Amino acid sequence: MKLTVAALAVAASLSTSTTTTQAFAPSLSRSFRSPFVSSLPPLHSRLVGASNSCSSTLRFSTSTTTTTLRMSYTVGIVGATGAVGKEIRQCLEKSDFPVEKLRIFGSSRSAGSNIQSETFGDITVELFDVDAARECDVVFLAVSGDFALEHAEAISAGDDGAVVIDNSSAFRYKPEIPLVVPEINGQETKKAKLIANPNCTTAIGLMALWPLHKLFGLKKIIMSTYQAASGAGQPGMDELQDGTRVYLEGGTPKNSIFAHPLPFNVIPQIDKFQENGYTKEEMKVTWEARKICGLGDDFPVSCTAVRIPTIRAHSESIVVETEKPVDLEAARKALDEAPGVKLVDDPDNLQYPMPLTATGAYDVEVGRLRKSLIFGDYGLEFFVSGDQLLRGAALNAVLVAEEMNNNGALKALKKVEA
């Protein structure tokens, strides 16, 4: 039987006395804490709309007994052997998200193989099947857009379908599908059972842009990106490493993943060129920034996306024009206090964001803050680095699930423990 968190709360209050209800109400946990970054405040203060959220543990008491209702979830990952799928599993292993059972679905090539997990034990990969996926409470899709288009809606359909968090671009631009960065628009997760995860470049940049937008109001965004090989998944990383080895041995690197050999090169093209001269990767930043932040369809966002020969973590140079005059100290304070952001802005000591330090980190590094020479008092320039497999993909997806658990949007099997 699947019940919402809110329904459990109502059931508990109806089955106890007024005294019980009074004891229950204040104990809707305010102490939930995401394990990703120990220095961050509790999740309810980090995510939008979480002030009305419920935690993964609901407690109510009478004068004689104490009963704990613990929500537990069956979670599925489709594509768990790929770069993003592996990171989703590892994020779940470190998360307090209450997983009762983890199921991994794959193709006929991987079905029957075993994946070892310190948290969840040995997991046998199951051959993907829509009906089997629908048995889960939450399904993470780390697969192609074509696969998502074919199966995501079937997995989530109906009251008995699973919540689906899709990492592809298949549903990002559909008006009825929430596109979510939890710290920005987590309340959108209450509107649908199919949630789209944003493009990695967009998610990383918005972690820095959102607090500045709230403080100064943004008028224009101009972005140039420096994107690692892992943006193309494991095959991209393999091509860079193999090609570098060939180059250093005096040979000529070959390319099949990237438009040109990437070792000791930069490629000002990611994805296909569009009619307006931008690539699709660049337009993703424009489309997604507008949707996630509610900026309007005509808000000016321009991006130039460049592939660089690093293994992991994307970087971005961002220039903004603002509605209000920029106060640099206020900007630094806002970024320093923003959830999911690490201020690294000490040029005198050569401290600034870099892929080297952002790799494997959950927070997005932000630094090199200065007033814009172009926009003067109404402009700001800065540099960000973030691990796109985490903040731009797996971590964001798991945080979406955490937010849905907290705000009552997620339905799950519940266990009652005395």
Foldseek 3Di string as FASTA:
>chain_A
DKDFPVVVLVVVVVVDDPVQNVQQVVPQPPQAQWQQDVPAHRPLVQFPPLVQWGAQKGWTDDPPDIWIWGFEWEEEEEPLVWLLNVLLVVSVQRTPRHYPAYAYEYDPVQAQPWDADPRHGIYGYHHDDLVVLQQTQEYEYPDELVVCVVRVCSQQPDPSHHQYEYAYPNCLQPPQEAEDQRSQPLVCLLRGSYHYYAALVQLLVCLLVVLVCVVFNFQAKEKEKEFEQCSLIPVSLVQLVVQQVQVVVPHHRDDDSDPHRAHVDKAQDDADADPVRAHVVQVSNVSNVCRRNVPDPPRHYGYTYMYHHDHWKMKMKMKTFGPHFDDQVVSQVSQCNRPQEHEFEDVVVPTFDDQVVQPPHRHKYKYPWDADPVNGRRMIIIMIIHGCSQSVHSVSSVVSVSSCSTHRSGMGDMDMDD
